[in-house]
Amino acid sequence: MSTYVPALDGDKRQCRVVASNAGHALLTGIAAPDRAERVADTLTGISCFSGWGIRTLARTAVRYNPISYHNGSVWPHDNALIALGFSRYGLKPAALRIFTGLFDAVCHWDPRRLPELFCGFARRQTAPTLYPVACSPQAWAAATPVATLAASLGLDLDWKGNAVRFSDPILPSFLGEVVIRRLRLGASDLDLRLHQQGGDVALNVLKRSGDARILLSK
């Protein structure tokens, strides 16, 4: 497995543990492109990805515990940040895997609301195991659907360039269309519709005011 080490120990030796933290290097853009792809392969592999989301620690870690707060559980907001990192490097299938896994997880719960975290057991036919004292609702977990959607659409608000950009947008099979209303950029206000069409994602401008450009690239 290829990844970044999360820390150095007291003797300045590398802590050789596979953790979800490596995905944050992609979010910030500090990873070289070839390394970013290798990190994505690691984090979406069977040791790290539970089927519902990426664990905080891989199953190979000595301290791995699927019901631990930080050592093997799945945090929705952590996964959202990683998905945005994947998208930054054009790794859309990996971002979509996170989006789909979290959506499948939340469909088992009533109300359909992502908690602060849930247990990192491997996916089965039954519902994901809830962490007993997880906060729900939780502010950063509530932002996860918006962030994972932005990752899949490659959405970027370019303030300096006065442009709304969609880079190689992709939508999961469970989401045929998305309508974004009152998207504001500077003095502009936009209503946009994105929908699946023949394996691609089409973009329609429903309403606009202001001079912001809307750019769609592959």
Protein backbone atom coordinates (compact mmCIF):
# COMPACT_ATOMS: atom_id res chain seq x y z
CA MET A 1 0.00 0.00 0.00
CA SER A 2 1.22 3.51 -0.84
CA THR A 3 0.47 6.38 1.50
CA TYR A 4 1.94 9.28 3.45
CA VAL A 5 3.00 8.69 7.03
CA PRO A 6 0.83 10.69 9.43
CA ALA A 7 3.52 11.54 12.00
CA LEU A 8 6.99 11.00 13.43
CA ASP A 9 7.48 9.37 16.80
CA GLY A 10 9.57 10.71 19.70
CA ASP A 11 12.75 9.49 18.01
CA LYS A 12 11.80 11.09 14.67
CA ARG A 13 11.03 7.73 13.09
CA GLN A 14 8.16 7.45 10.63
CA CYS A 15 4.90 6.14 12.06
CA ARG A 16 4.20 3.56 9.39
CA VAL A 17 0.45 3.34 9.78
CA VAL A 18 -2.13 3.67 7.01
CA ALA A 19 -4.61 6.36 8.05
CA SER A 20 -7.28 8.44 6.36
CA ASN A 21 -5.18 11.55 7.12
CA ALA A 22 -3.21 10.88 3.93
CA GLY A 23 -6.26 11.92 1.93
CA HIS A 24 -5.96 15.43 3.37
CA ALA A 25 -2.70 15.86 1.44
CA LEU A 26 -4.81 15.60 -1.71
CA LEU A 27 -7.34 18.10 -0.39
CA THR A 28 -4.63 20.71 0.12
CA GLY A 29 -2.95 19.97 -3.21
CA ILE A 30 0.50 19.23 -1.78
CA ALA A 31 0.69 15.70 -3.25
CA ALA A 32 2.40 15.00 -6.57
CA PRO A 33 -0.15 13.71 -9.13
CA ASP A 34 1.36 10.22 -9.39
CA ARG A 35 1.44 9.90 -5.61
CA ALA A 36 -2.13 11.19 -5.32
CA GLU A 37 -3.37 8.33 -7.49
CA ARG A 38 -1.48 5.79 -5.40
CA VAL A 39 -2.91 7.23 -2.17
CA ALA A 40 -6.41 7.05 -3.66
CA ASP A 41 -5.88 3.40 -4.60
CA THR A 42 -4.81 2.68 -1.02
CA LEU A 43 -7.69 4.53 0.65
CA THR A 44 -10.32 2.92 -1.57
CA GLY A 45 -8.81 -0.55 -1.14
CA ILE A 46 -10.38 -3.26 1.00
CA SER A 47 -8.22 -2.54 4.05
CA CYS A 48 -9.25 1.12 4.26
CA PHE A 49 -12.67 1.28 2.61
CA SER A 50 -15.37 -0.46 4.62
CA GLY A 51 -17.92 -0.42 1.80
CA TRP A 52 -19.67 2.50 3.52
CA GLY A 53 -16.69 4.84 3.72
CA ILE A 54 -12.98 5.19 4.44
CA ARG A 55 -11.87 4.17 7.93
CA THR A 56 -9.70 6.43 10.04
CA LEU A 57 -7.22 3.54 10.33
CA ALA A 58 -6.72 0.61 7.96
CA ARG A 59 -7.51 -2.90 9.15
CA THR A 60 -3.78 -3.66 8.97
CA ALA A 61 -2.97 -1.16 11.74
CA VAL A 62 -2.02 -2.58 15.14
CA ARG A 63 -4.46 -0.24 16.87
CA TYR A 64 -7.31 -0.86 14.43
CA ASN A 65 -10.65 -1.16 16.17
CA PRO A 66 -13.87 -0.65 14.17
CA ILE A 67 -15.70 0.64 17.24
CA SER A 68 -12.96 3.02 18.33
CA TYR A 69 -13.59 6.76 18.14
CA HIS A 70 -10.51 7.45 16.01
CA ASN A 71 -8.83 4.10 15.30
CA GLY A 72 -10.99 2.48 12.65
CA SER A 73 -14.37 4.19 12.59
CA VAL A 74 -15.80 6.06 9.58
CA TRP A 75 -16.24 9.83 9.83
CA PRO A 76 -18.51 11.32 7.13
CA HIS A 77 -16.83 14.75 7.17
CA ASP A 78 -13.38 13.14 6.92
CA ASN A 79 -14.61 11.21 3.88
CA ALA A 80 -16.02 14.40 2.35
CA LEU A 81 -12.65 16.15 2.64
CA ILE A 82 -10.95 13.15 1.03
CA ALA A 83 -13.52 13.08 -1.78
CA LEU A 84 -12.78 16.75 -2.49
CA GLY A 85 -9.09 15.84 -2.58
CA PHE A 86 -9.74 13.02 -5.04
CA SER A 87 -11.72 15.40 -7.23
CA ARG A 88 -8.93 17.97 -7.15
CA TYR A 89 -6.68 15.43 -8.86
CA GLY A 90 -9.34 14.28 -11.31
CA LEU A 91 -9.89 10.96 -9.50
CA LYS A 92 -13.65 11.09 -9.94
CA PRO A 93 -14.39 7.32 -9.67
CA ALA A 94 -12.73 7.31 -6.24
CA ALA A 95 -14.72 10.38 -5.15
CA LEU A 96 -17.90 8.78 -6.43
CA ARG A 97 -17.21 5.62 -4.45
CA ILE A 98 -17.19 7.66 -1.24
CA PHE A 99 -20.35 9.53 -2.25
CA THR A 100 -22.18 6.29 -3.05
CA GLY A 101 -21.01 4.49 0.08
CA LEU A 102 -22.18 7.27 2.39
CA PHE A 103 -25.50 7.55 0.55
CA ASP A 104 -26.08 3.80 0.88
CA ALA A 105 -25.24 4.02 4.59
CA VAL A 106 -27.62 6.87 5.37
CA CYS A 107 -30.48 5.11 3.57
CA HIS A 108 -30.52 2.59 6.43
CA TRP A 109 -31.21 5.22 9.08
CA ASP A 110 -34.30 7.16 10.05
CA PRO A 111 -34.14 10.09 9.80
CA ARG A 112 -31.78 9.97 6.83
CA ARG A 113 -29.09 11.99 8.51
CA LEU A 114 -25.37 11.33 8.65
CA PRO A 115 -24.05 11.10 12.23
CA GLU A 116 -20.73 12.37 13.53
CA LEU A 117 -19.23 8.93 12.89
CA PHE A 118 -20.18 5.27 12.65
CA CYS A 119 -18.35 1.98 13.14
CA GLY A 120 -15.87 0.69 10.60
CA PHE A 121 -17.08 -2.89 10.24
CA ALA A 122 -16.99 -4.28 6.69
CA ARG A 123 -20.16 -3.77 4.71
CA ARG A 124 -22.82 -6.45 4.99
CA GLN A 125 -26.44 -6.70 3.89
CA THR A 126 -27.52 -5.21 7.20
CA ALA A 127 -27.25 -1.55 8.17
CA PRO A 128 -23.93 0.02 9.20
CA THR A 129 -23.29 -0.16 12.92
CA LEU A 130 -23.89 3.17 14.62
CA TYR A 131 -21.34 4.52 17.08
CA PRO A 132 -23.25 4.52 20.40
CA VAL A 133 -22.57 8.12 21.45
CA ALA A 134 -22.08 9.83 18.09
CA CYS A 135 -23.59 13.30 17.82
CA SER A 136 -26.55 13.50 15.48
CA PRO A 137 -27.18 16.03 14.17
CA GLN A 138 -23.60 17.17 13.81
CA ALA A 139 -22.67 20.34 11.92
CA TRP A 140 -19.71 19.05 9.94
CA ALA A 141 -21.48 15.79 9.12
CA ALA A 142 -24.40 17.84 7.80
CA ALA A 143 -22.04 19.49 5.30
CA THR A 144 -20.93 16.12 3.92
CA PRO A 145 -23.65 15.68 1.23
CA VAL A 146 -22.90 19.14 -0.19
CA ALA A 147 -19.15 18.49 -0.21
CA THR A 148 -19.38 15.05 -1.81
CA LEU A 149 -21.76 16.42 -4.46
CA ALA A 150 -19.31 19.25 -5.18
CA ALA A 151 -16.53 16.67 -5.48
CA SER A 152 -18.44 14.59 -8.02
CA LEU A 153 -19.35 17.68 -10.06
CA GLY A 154 -15.88 19.18 -9.89
CA LEU A 155 -17.49 22.41 -8.71
CA ASP A 156 -15.18 25.37 -8.19
CA LEU A 157 -16.17 28.95 -7.49
CA ASP A 158 -13.48 31.07 -9.13
CA TRP A 159 -13.84 34.45 -7.46
CA LYS A 160 -10.90 36.09 -9.23
CA GLY A 161 -11.99 34.82 -12.64
CA ASN A 162 -15.67 35.51 -11.93
CA ALA A 163 -16.58 31.99 -13.06
CA VAL A 164 -18.45 28.95 -11.85
CA ARG A 165 -16.52 25.92 -13.08
CA PHE A 166 -17.59 22.31 -13.42
CA SER A 167 -14.62 20.04 -14.18
CA ASP A 168 -15.44 16.62 -15.66
CA PRO A 169 -18.72 16.33 -13.71
CA ILE A 170 -20.08 12.90 -12.89
CA LEU A 171 -23.22 11.83 -11.06
CA PRO A 172 -23.85 8.56 -9.18
CA SER A 173 -26.46 6.13 -10.45
CA PHE A 174 -28.87 7.08 -7.66
CA LEU A 175 -28.90 10.74 -8.69
CA GLY A 176 -30.38 11.49 -12.10
CA GLU A 177 -30.32 15.25 -11.79
CA VAL A 178 -29.33 18.09 -9.50
CA VAL A 179 -30.84 21.57 -9.42
CA ILE A 180 -28.76 24.24 -7.71
CA ARG A 181 -30.70 27.38 -6.85
CA ARG A 182 -29.44 30.79 -5.74
CA LEU A 183 -25.79 29.95 -6.34
CA ARG A 184 -24.07 33.24 -5.68
CA LEU A 185 -20.70 34.41 -6.94
CA GLY A 186 -19.95 38.05 -6.34
CA ALA A 187 -22.87 40.04 -7.76
CA SER A 188 -24.19 37.08 -9.76
CA ASP A 189 -27.07 34.80 -8.82
CA LEU A 190 -27.58 31.53 -10.71
CA ASP A 191 -30.03 28.63 -10.96
CA LEU A 192 -28.42 25.60 -12.64
CA ARG A 193 -29.54 22.10 -13.56
CA LEU A 194 -27.16 19.21 -14.10
CA HIS A 195 -28.47 15.87 -15.27
CA GLN A 196 -27.28 12.56 -16.63
CA GLN A 197 -27.48 12.24 -20.38
CA GLY A 198 -26.07 9.32 -22.32
CA GLY A 199 -23.26 8.63 -19.89
CA ASP A 200 -22.34 12.31 -19.58
CA VAL A 201 -23.57 15.15 -17.40
CA ALA A 202 -25.38 17.98 -19.18
CA LEU A 203 -25.68 21.51 -17.80
CA ASN A 204 -28.61 23.88 -18.24
CA VAL A 205 -28.83 27.45 -17.02
CA LEU A 206 -32.33 27.95 -15.62
CA LYS A 207 -31.90 31.50 -14.41
CA ARG A 208 -29.11 34.00 -14.09
CA SER A 209 -28.39 37.55 -13.07
CA GLY A 210 -25.00 39.18 -13.15
CA ASP A 211 -22.02 38.54 -15.43
CA ALA A 212 -20.42 35.43 -13.91
CA ARG A 213 -19.30 32.90 -16.49
CA ILE A 214 -20.41 29.27 -16.30
CA LEU A 215 -17.75 26.86 -17.57
CA LEU A 216 -18.01 23.12 -18.18
CA SER A 217 -14.85 21.21 -19.00
CA LYS A 218 -13.83 17.61 -19.51
